[in-house]
Amino acid sequence: MAKIFETKIKSNAEVAESIFKLEIESAKLAELSKAGQFVQVKLPAEEFTLRRPLGIAGTSGGIVKIFYRVVGKGTNFLSSLKPGEILNILAPLGNGFNLNFDGQILLVGGGMGLAPLLCAAEQSSGADVLIGGKNSGEVKFWIEEFKKVSDEIFVTTDDGSFGKRGFVTNFLPEVLVRKNYSTVLTCGPEIMMRGVAKISGEYGLSPQISLEKRMACGLGACLSCSIDTKGGRKKVCKDGPVFDAADIFG
């Protein structure tokens, strides 16, 4: 069950253009959080009434790690906060990944969708990762993060400035034949996840996907993040954000 935590900022620094890494000191929140879940952050300023949903990217050492991109007034304000300042956080929210698998897990992500996969690598018993980004600047900091918690790392960039040139879906078949993976977890743009689900299915795997959706309350009350699934109308914040790919893409 989600609770309110008064947490202290340990660090809040830019790691790539407009992308920040936020570390929050909260041993209890770290203990309760699972890969794939998220937090709702209340910004300490009167002009911001709604909480901001942010995915959990790590929980080790009593530190909750979060990555976010500055895209508007809220995230711009968040990027100005300093170590030692207090954040009011509602968490943990949503349903995370099922990591109860024997054998190696393959993580496939693009852009900021790599954040929950980083936590999955940390909390799993063994994971490889296929990282996708527009260019070298968008992938290098992720590589450094995944080096700490994953086994093999594969990289693609749209412009070929780092790793393989192309999309993760171009390289995915080559990765899948390397090992007998037990499952695939993916997060990123929907078109990418659809491709990952289709290709994984051809290799006998049914991925878990983590959806990104605009939301307000984070508790399933406002219905702003409702989606249609094979099992009926569901809410990304409460029923997800992690779903079986077959339930979403068919």
C-alpha atoms as a PDB file:
ATOM      1  CA  MET A   1       0.000   0.000   0.000  1.00  0.00           C
ATOM      2  CA  ALA A   2       1.273   3.454  -0.921  1.00  0.00           C
ATOM      3  CA  LYS A   3       2.334   5.793   1.861  1.00  0.00           C
ATOM      4  CA  ILE A   4       3.489   9.382   2.208  1.00  0.00           C
ATOM      5  CA  PHE A   5       7.230   9.713   2.733  1.00  0.00           C
ATOM      6  CA  GLU A   6       9.117  12.839   3.713  1.00  0.00           C
ATOM      7  CA  THR A   7      12.416  12.216   1.973  1.00  0.00           C
ATOM      8  CA  LYS A   8      15.720  14.058   1.702  1.00  0.00           C
ATOM      9  CA  ILE A   9      17.450  14.694  -1.611  1.00  0.00           C
ATOM     10  CA  LYS A  10      20.923  13.135  -1.665  1.00  0.00           C
ATOM     11  CA  SER A  11      21.830  14.363  -5.152  1.00  0.00           C
ATOM     12  CA  ASN A  12      20.148  15.905  -8.182  1.00  0.00           C
ATOM     13  CA  ALA A  13      22.483  16.296 -11.136  1.00  0.00           C
ATOM     14  CA  GLU A  14      22.362  16.532 -14.930  1.00  0.00           C
ATOM     15  CA  VAL A  15      23.816  13.398 -16.531  1.00  0.00           C
ATOM     16  CA  ALA A  16      23.045  14.233 -20.184  1.00  0.00           C
ATOM     17  CA  GLU A  17      21.407  17.110 -22.008  1.00  0.00           C
ATOM     18  CA  SER A  18      18.179  17.905 -20.075  1.00  0.00           C
ATOM     19  CA  ILE A  19      18.315  14.513 -18.277  1.00  0.00           C
ATOM     20  CA  PHE A  20      18.751  14.447 -14.510  1.00  0.00           C
ATOM     21  CA  LYS A  21      19.543  11.738 -11.983  1.00  0.00           C
ATOM     22  CA  LEU A  22      17.766  12.240  -8.657  1.00  0.00           C
ATOM     23  CA  GLU A  23      18.770  10.243  -5.581  1.00  0.00           C
ATOM     24  CA  ILE A  24      16.500  10.236  -2.539  1.00  0.00           C
ATOM     25  CA  GLU A  25      17.403   9.019   0.934  1.00  0.00           C
ATOM     26  CA  SER A  26      14.676   6.692   2.227  1.00  0.00           C
ATOM     27  CA  ALA A  27      15.573   3.210   3.427  1.00  0.00           C
ATOM     28  CA  LYS A  28      11.927   2.265   4.010  1.00  0.00           C
ATOM     29  CA  LEU A  29      10.758   3.392   0.570  1.00  0.00           C
ATOM     30  CA  ALA A  30      13.684   1.580  -1.023  1.00  0.00           C
ATOM     31  CA  GLU A  31      12.760  -1.586   0.871  1.00  0.00           C
ATOM     32  CA  LEU A  32       9.111  -1.441  -0.249  1.00  0.00           C
ATOM     33  CA  SER A  33       9.696  -0.551  -3.900  1.00  0.00           C
ATOM     34  CA  LYS A  34       9.762  -3.056  -6.750  1.00  0.00           C
ATOM     35  CA  ALA A  35      11.124  -2.640 -10.255  1.00  0.00           C
ATOM     36  CA  GLY A  36       8.433  -1.198 -12.503  1.00  0.00           C
ATOM     37  CA  GLN A  37       6.672   0.770  -9.782  1.00  0.00           C
ATOM     38  CA  PHE A  38       6.669   4.563  -9.606  1.00  0.00           C
ATOM     39  CA  VAL A  39       6.397   7.484  -7.180  1.00  0.00           C
ATOM     40  CA  GLN A  40       4.288  10.639  -7.161  1.00  0.00           C
ATOM     41  CA  VAL A  41       6.383  13.648  -6.160  1.00  0.00           C
ATOM     42  CA  LYS A  42       4.839  16.779  -4.651  1.00  0.00           C
ATOM     43  CA  LEU A  43       6.869  19.780  -5.759  1.00  0.00           C
ATOM     44  CA  PRO A  44       7.519  22.210  -2.885  1.00  0.00           C
ATOM     45  CA  ALA A  45       5.939  25.262  -4.525  1.00  0.00           C
ATOM     46  CA  GLU A  46       2.351  26.539  -4.413  1.00  0.00           C
ATOM     47  CA  GLU A  47       2.074  26.863  -8.213  1.00  0.00           C
ATOM     48  CA  PHE A  48       2.252  23.074  -8.634  1.00  0.00           C
ATOM     49  CA  THR A  49      -0.904  21.374  -7.398  1.00  0.00           C
ATOM     50  CA  LEU A  50      -0.556  17.969  -9.035  1.00  0.00           C
ATOM     51  CA  ARG A  51       2.122  15.468  -8.100  1.00  0.00           C
ATOM     52  CA  ARG A  52       4.605  14.365 -10.771  1.00  0.00           C
ATOM     53  CA  PRO A  53       4.828  10.624 -11.564  1.00  0.00           C
ATOM     54  CA  LEU A  54       8.414   9.365 -11.813  1.00  0.00           C
ATOM     55  CA  GLY A  55       9.632   5.807 -12.352  1.00  0.00           C
ATOM     56  CA  ILE A  56      11.866   4.060  -9.854  1.00  0.00           C
ATOM     57  CA  ALA A  57      15.289   3.273 -11.344  1.00  0.00           C
ATOM     58  CA  GLY A  58      17.069   1.832  -8.307  1.00  0.00           C
ATOM     59  CA  THR A  59      16.643   0.957  -4.645  1.00  0.00           C
ATOM     60  CA  SER A  60      20.027  -0.282  -3.415  1.00  0.00           C
ATOM     61  CA  GLY A  61      21.690   1.009  -0.264  1.00  0.00           C
ATOM     62  CA  GLY A  62      18.543   2.682   1.033  1.00  0.00           C
ATOM     63  CA  ILE A  63      18.646   5.167  -1.852  1.00  0.00           C
ATOM     64  CA  VAL A  64      15.788   5.519  -4.338  1.00  0.00           C
ATOM     65  CA  LYS A  65      17.168   6.450  -7.748  1.00  0.00           C
ATOM     66  CA  ILE A  66      15.088   8.333 -10.335  1.00  0.00           C
ATOM     67  CA  PHE A  67      15.870   9.667 -13.820  1.00  0.00           C
ATOM     68  CA  TYR A  68      13.790  12.400 -15.448  1.00  0.00           C
ATOM     69  CA  ARG A  69      13.927  14.623 -18.501  1.00  0.00           C
ATOM     70  CA  VAL A  70      13.253  18.355 -18.163  1.00  0.00           C
ATOM     71  CA  VAL A  71      10.291  19.000 -20.450  1.00  0.00           C
ATOM     72  CA  GLY A  72       8.181  21.652 -18.704  1.00  0.00           C
ATOM     73  CA  LYS A  73       7.809  23.940 -15.713  1.00  0.00           C
ATOM     74  CA  GLY A  74       7.424  21.106 -13.207  1.00  0.00           C
ATOM     75  CA  THR A  75      10.508  19.138 -14.163  1.00  0.00           C
ATOM     76  CA  ASN A  76      12.446  22.372 -14.635  1.00  0.00           C
ATOM     77  CA  PHE A  77      11.598  23.307 -11.049  1.00  0.00           C
ATOM     78  CA  LEU A  78      12.524  19.814  -9.859  1.00  0.00           C
ATOM     79  CA  SER A  79      15.936  20.150 -11.515  1.00  0.00           C
ATOM     80  CA  SER A  80      16.628  23.276  -9.408  1.00  0.00           C
ATOM     81  CA  LEU A  81      16.257  21.471  -6.075  1.00  0.00           C
ATOM     82  CA  LYS A  82      19.445  20.932  -4.069  1.00  0.00           C
ATOM     83  CA  PRO A  83      20.808  18.132  -1.850  1.00  0.00           C
ATOM     84  CA  GLY A  84      19.331  18.306   1.638  1.00  0.00           C
ATOM     85  CA  GLU A  85      15.955  19.651   0.500  1.00  0.00           C
ATOM     86  CA  ILE A  86      12.855  17.648   1.433  1.00  0.00           C
ATOM     87  CA  LEU A  87      10.485  15.992  -1.028  1.00  0.00           C
ATOM     88  CA  ASN A  88       7.019  14.751  -0.124  1.00  0.00           C
ATOM     89  CA  ILE A  89       6.510  11.480  -1.993  1.00  0.00           C
ATOM     90  CA  LEU A  90       3.488   9.179  -2.381  1.00  0.00           C
ATOM     91  CA  ALA A  91       4.826   5.680  -3.075  1.00  0.00           C
ATOM     92  CA  PRO A  92       5.311   2.972  -4.088  1.00  0.00           C
ATOM     93  CA  LEU A  93       2.582   2.968  -6.722  1.00  0.00           C
ATOM     94  CA  GLY A  94       1.454   0.536  -9.397  1.00  0.00           C
ATOM     95  CA  ASN A  95       2.339  -3.063 -10.159  1.00  0.00           C
ATOM     96  CA  GLY A  96       5.912  -3.862 -11.077  1.00  0.00           C
ATOM     97  CA  PHE A  97       7.651  -6.514 -13.143  1.00  0.00           C
ATOM     98  CA  ASN A  98       7.458 -10.189 -12.321  1.00  0.00           C
ATOM     99  CA  LEU A  99      11.126 -11.148 -11.880  1.00  0.00           C
ATOM    100  CA  ASN A 100      10.460 -14.656 -10.602  1.00  0.00           C
ATOM    101  CA  PHE A 101      12.149 -16.494 -13.470  1.00  0.00           C
ATOM    102  CA  ASP A 102      14.917 -19.048 -13.637  1.00  0.00           C
ATOM    103  CA  GLY A 103      17.664 -18.126 -16.039  1.00  0.00           C
ATOM    104  CA  GLN A 104      18.628 -14.947 -17.799  1.00  0.00           C
ATOM    105  CA  ILE A 105      16.242 -12.040 -18.398  1.00  0.00           C
ATOM    106  CA  LEU A 106      16.593  -9.751 -21.414  1.00  0.00           C
ATOM    107  CA  LEU A 107      15.774  -6.074 -20.923  1.00  0.00           C
ATOM    108  CA  VAL A 108      14.994  -3.970 -23.999  1.00  0.00           C
ATOM    109  CA  GLY A 109      14.522  -0.234 -23.667  1.00  0.00           C
ATOM    110  CA  GLY A 110      14.773   3.105 -25.374  1.00  0.00           C
ATOM    111  CA  GLY A 111      15.202   6.610 -24.013  1.00  0.00           C
ATOM    112  CA  MET A 112      13.793   7.244 -20.545  1.00  0.00           C
ATOM    113  CA  GLY A 113      12.104   3.842 -20.709  1.00  0.00           C
ATOM    114  CA  LEU A 114      15.426   2.423 -19.547  1.00  0.00           C
ATOM    115  CA  ALA A 115      14.837   3.721 -15.992  1.00  0.00           C
ATOM    116  CA  PRO A 116      12.502   0.952 -14.715  1.00  0.00           C
ATOM    117  CA  LEU A 117      14.621  -1.628 -16.560  1.00  0.00           C
ATOM    118  CA  LEU A 118      17.674  -0.471 -14.624  1.00  0.00           C
ATOM    119  CA  CYS A 119      15.822  -1.266 -11.397  1.00  0.00           C
ATOM    120  CA  ALA A 120      14.787  -4.640 -12.848  1.00  0.00           C
ATOM    121  CA  ALA A 121      18.436  -5.452 -13.572  1.00  0.00           C
ATOM    122  CA  GLU A 122      19.345  -4.502 -10.018  1.00  0.00           C
ATOM    123  CA  GLN A 123      16.612  -6.641  -8.455  1.00  0.00           C
ATOM    124  CA  SER A 124      16.903  -9.676 -10.758  1.00  0.00           C
ATOM    125  CA  SER A 125      19.226 -12.650 -10.407  1.00  0.00           C
ATOM    126  CA  GLY A 126      20.689 -12.069 -13.880  1.00  0.00           C
ATOM    127  CA  ALA A 127      19.878  -9.752 -16.766  1.00  0.00           C
ATOM    128  CA  ASP A 128      21.274  -8.612 -20.106  1.00  0.00           C
ATOM    129  CA  VAL A 129      20.168  -5.313 -21.607  1.00  0.00           C
ATOM    130  CA  LEU A 130      19.640  -3.978 -25.121  1.00  0.00           C
ATOM    131  CA  ILE A 131      19.852  -0.178 -24.987  1.00  0.00           C
ATOM    132  CA  GLY A 132      18.515   2.129 -27.685  1.00  0.00           C
ATOM    133  CA  GLY A 133      18.928   5.875 -28.109  1.00  0.00           C
ATOM    134  CA  LYS A 134      19.094   8.648 -30.683  1.00  0.00           C
ATOM    135  CA  ASN A 135      22.833   9.215 -30.332  1.00  0.00           C
ATOM    136  CA  SER A 136      25.856   8.564 -28.129  1.00  0.00           C
ATOM    137  CA  GLY A 137      24.884  11.292 -25.657  1.00  0.00           C
ATOM    138  CA  GLU A 138      21.602   9.527 -24.930  1.00  0.00           C
ATOM    139  CA  VAL A 139      23.138   6.120 -24.211  1.00  0.00           C
ATOM    140  CA  LYS A 140      26.542   6.604 -22.576  1.00  0.00           C
ATOM    141  CA  PHE A 141      25.252   7.442 -19.094  1.00  0.00           C
ATOM    142  CA  TRP A 142      22.838   4.493 -19.267  1.00  0.00           C
ATOM    143  CA  ILE A 143      25.716   2.187 -20.139  1.00  0.00           C
ATOM    144  CA  GLU A 144      27.626   3.334 -17.036  1.00  0.00           C
ATOM    145  CA  GLU A 145      24.548   2.690 -14.887  1.00  0.00           C
ATOM    146  CA  PHE A 146      23.837  -0.756 -16.351  1.00  0.00           C
ATOM    147  CA  LYS A 147      27.476  -1.823 -15.985  1.00  0.00           C
ATOM    148  CA  LYS A 148      26.902  -1.918 -12.225  1.00  0.00           C
ATOM    149  CA  VAL A 149      23.885  -4.264 -12.279  1.00  0.00           C
ATOM    150  CA  SER A 150      23.670  -6.206 -15.546  1.00  0.00           C
ATOM    151  CA  ASP A 151      25.687  -8.877 -17.312  1.00  0.00           C
ATOM    152  CA  GLU A 152      25.939  -8.204 -21.059  1.00  0.00           C
ATOM    153  CA  ILE A 153      25.102  -4.836 -22.605  1.00  0.00           C
ATOM    154  CA  PHE A 154      24.097  -4.338 -26.254  1.00  0.00           C
ATOM    155  CA  VAL A 155      23.691  -0.839 -27.708  1.00  0.00           C
ATOM    156  CA  THR A 156      22.057   0.721 -30.761  1.00  0.00           C
ATOM    157  CA  THR A 157      21.810   4.367 -31.792  1.00  0.00           C
ATOM    158  CA  ASP A 158      19.685   5.887 -34.540  1.00  0.00           C
ATOM    159  CA  ASP A 159      22.680   7.717 -36.035  1.00  0.00           C
ATOM    160  CA  GLY A 160      25.296   5.025 -35.460  1.00  0.00           C
ATOM    161  CA  SER A 161      27.400   7.286 -33.219  1.00  0.00           C
ATOM    162  CA  PHE A 162      27.666   4.492 -30.636  1.00  0.00           C
ATOM    163  CA  GLY A 163      27.094   0.746 -30.882  1.00  0.00           C
ATOM    164  CA  LYS A 164      25.051  -0.669 -33.768  1.00  0.00           C
ATOM    165  CA  ARG A 165      23.352   1.729 -36.167  1.00  0.00           C
ATOM    166  CA  GLY A 166      19.568   1.373 -36.159  1.00  0.00           C
ATOM    167  CA  PHE A 167      16.785   0.558 -33.726  1.00  0.00           C
ATOM    168  CA  VAL A 168      16.687  -2.054 -30.960  1.00  0.00           C
ATOM    169  CA  THR A 169      14.203  -4.041 -33.040  1.00  0.00           C
ATOM    170  CA  ASN A 170      16.791  -4.342 -35.827  1.00  0.00           C
ATOM    171  CA  PHE A 171      19.299  -5.946 -33.460  1.00  0.00           C
ATOM    172  CA  LEU A 172      16.884  -7.870 -31.220  1.00  0.00           C
ATOM    173  CA  PRO A 173      16.800 -11.144 -33.245  1.00  0.00           C
ATOM    174  CA  GLU A 174      20.608 -11.310 -33.130  1.00  0.00           C
ATOM    175  CA  VAL A 175      20.536 -10.893 -29.338  1.00  0.00           C
ATOM    176  CA  LEU A 176      17.756 -13.418 -28.761  1.00  0.00           C
ATOM    177  CA  VAL A 177      19.686 -16.273 -30.386  1.00  0.00           C
ATOM    178  CA  ARG A 178      22.710 -15.758 -28.152  1.00  0.00           C
ATOM    179  CA  LYS A 179      21.126 -17.237 -25.017  1.00  0.00           C
ATOM    180  CA  ASN A 180      18.084 -19.156 -23.871  1.00  0.00           C
ATOM    181  CA  TYR A 181      16.351 -16.162 -22.304  1.00  0.00           C
ATOM    182  CA  SER A 182      13.552 -16.876 -19.848  1.00  0.00           C
ATOM    183  CA  THR A 183      11.616 -13.659 -20.530  1.00  0.00           C
ATOM    184  CA  VAL A 184      11.829 -10.182 -22.036  1.00  0.00           C
ATOM    185  CA  LEU A 185      10.991  -6.930 -20.236  1.00  0.00           C
ATOM    186  CA  THR A 186      10.605  -3.760 -22.278  1.00  0.00           C
ATOM    187  CA  CYS A 187       9.835  -0.078 -21.794  1.00  0.00           C
ATOM    188  CA  GLY A 188      10.014   2.863 -24.163  1.00  0.00           C
ATOM    189  CA  PRO A 189       8.061   4.276 -27.128  1.00  0.00           C
ATOM    190  CA  GLU A 190       4.956   2.213 -27.924  1.00  0.00           C
ATOM    191  CA  ILE A 191       6.050   1.529 -31.500  1.00  0.00           C
ATOM    192  CA  MET A 192       9.288   0.076 -30.163  1.00  0.00           C
ATOM    193  CA  MET A 193       7.501  -2.112 -27.606  1.00  0.00           C
ATOM    194  CA  ARG A 194       5.107  -3.418 -30.264  1.00  0.00           C
ATOM    195  CA  GLY A 195       8.079  -4.444 -32.346  1.00  0.00           C
ATOM    196  CA  VAL A 196       9.810  -6.048 -29.365  1.00  0.00           C
ATOM    197  CA  ALA A 197       6.645  -7.992 -28.508  1.00  0.00           C
ATOM    198  CA  LYS A 198       6.216  -9.231 -32.079  1.00  0.00           C
ATOM    199  CA  ILE A 199       9.833 -10.349 -32.469  1.00  0.00           C
ATOM    200  CA  SER A 200       9.977 -11.912 -28.993  1.00  0.00           C
ATOM    201  CA  GLY A 201       6.811 -13.872 -29.778  1.00  0.00           C
ATOM    202  CA  GLU A 202       8.528 -15.359 -32.825  1.00  0.00           C
ATOM    203  CA  TYR A 203      11.118 -16.772 -30.411  1.00  0.00           C
ATOM    204  CA  GLY A 204       8.504 -18.200 -28.057  1.00  0.00           C
ATOM    205  CA  LEU A 205       8.679 -15.403 -25.482  1.00  0.00           C
ATOM    206  CA  SER A 206       5.825 -13.253 -24.156  1.00  0.00           C
ATOM    207  CA  PRO A 207       7.257  -9.939 -22.916  1.00  0.00           C
ATOM    208  CA  GLN A 208       6.168  -7.792 -20.034  1.00  0.00           C
ATOM    209  CA  ILE A 209       5.780  -4.152 -21.077  1.00  0.00           C
ATOM    210  CA  SER A 210       5.827  -1.004 -18.963  1.00  0.00           C
ATOM    211  CA  LEU A 211       3.484   1.672 -20.294  1.00  0.00           C
ATOM    212  CA  GLU A 212       4.086   5.391 -20.043  1.00  0.00           C
ATOM    213  CA  LYS A 213       0.891   7.419 -19.755  1.00  0.00           C
ATOM    214  CA  ARG A 214      -0.096  10.870 -18.513  1.00  0.00           C
ATOM    215  CA  MET A 215      -1.696  10.571 -15.099  1.00  0.00           C
ATOM    216  CA  ALA A 216      -2.905  12.838 -12.329  1.00  0.00           C
ATOM    217  CA  CYS A 217      -3.763  11.015  -9.103  1.00  0.00           C
ATOM    218  CA  GLY A 218      -1.669   7.850  -9.552  1.00  0.00           C
ATOM    219  CA  LEU A 219      -4.254   5.892  -7.563  1.00  0.00           C
ATOM    220  CA  GLY A 220      -6.837   4.965 -10.194  1.00  0.00           C
ATOM    221  CA  ALA A 221      -9.428   7.517  -9.115  1.00  0.00           C
ATOM    222  CA  CYS A 222      -9.245  10.152 -11.859  1.00  0.00           C
ATOM    223  CA  LEU A 223      -9.369   7.708 -14.824  1.00  0.00           C
ATOM    224  CA  SER A 224      -7.008   9.918 -16.865  1.00  0.00           C
ATOM    225  CA  CYS A 225      -4.698   6.994 -17.670  1.00  0.00           C
ATOM    226  CA  SER A 226      -7.378   4.463 -18.686  1.00  0.00           C
ATOM    227  CA  ILE A 227      -6.606   2.178 -21.626  1.00  0.00           C
ATOM    228  CA  ASP A 228      -8.343  -0.620 -23.512  1.00  0.00           C
ATOM    229  CA  THR A 229      -6.933  -4.127 -23.027  1.00  0.00           C
ATOM    230  CA  LYS A 230      -8.009  -7.615 -24.019  1.00  0.00           C
ATOM    231  CA  GLY A 231      -9.310  -7.941 -20.466  1.00  0.00           C
ATOM    232  CA  GLY A 232     -11.356  -4.750 -20.647  1.00  0.00           C
ATOM    233  CA  ARG A 233     -10.798  -1.144 -19.614  1.00  0.00           C
ATOM    234  CA  LYS A 234      -7.859  -0.768 -17.201  1.00  0.00           C
ATOM    235  CA  LYS A 235      -5.889   1.992 -15.518  1.00  0.00           C
ATOM    236  CA  VAL A 236      -2.166   2.267 -16.161  1.00  0.00           C
ATOM    237  CA  CYS A 237      -1.428   3.678 -12.702  1.00  0.00           C
ATOM    238  CA  LYS A 238      -3.294   1.036 -10.707  1.00  0.00           C
ATOM    239  CA  ASP A 239      -3.480  -2.073 -12.928  1.00  0.00           C
ATOM    240  CA  GLY A 240      -0.059  -1.360 -14.463  1.00  0.00           C
ATOM    241  CA  PRO A 241       2.158   0.259 -15.445  1.00  0.00           C
ATOM    242  CA  VAL A 242       3.461  -3.261 -16.189  1.00  0.00           C
ATOM    243  CA  PHE A 243       1.251  -5.497 -18.352  1.00  0.00           C
ATOM    244  CA  ASP A 244       1.675  -8.662 -20.365  1.00  0.00           C
ATOM    245  CA  ALA A 245       2.291  -7.604 -23.961  1.00  0.00           C
ATOM    246  CA  ALA A 246      -0.424  -9.952 -25.209  1.00  0.00           C
ATOM    247  CA  ASP A 247      -3.014  -8.132 -23.082  1.00  0.00           C
ATOM    248  CA  ILE A 248      -2.176  -4.810 -24.731  1.00  0.00           C
ATOM    249  CA  PHE A 249      -1.015  -5.625 -28.250  1.00  0.00           C
ATOM    250  CA  GLY A 250      -2.880  -8.904 -28.800  1.00  0.00           C
END
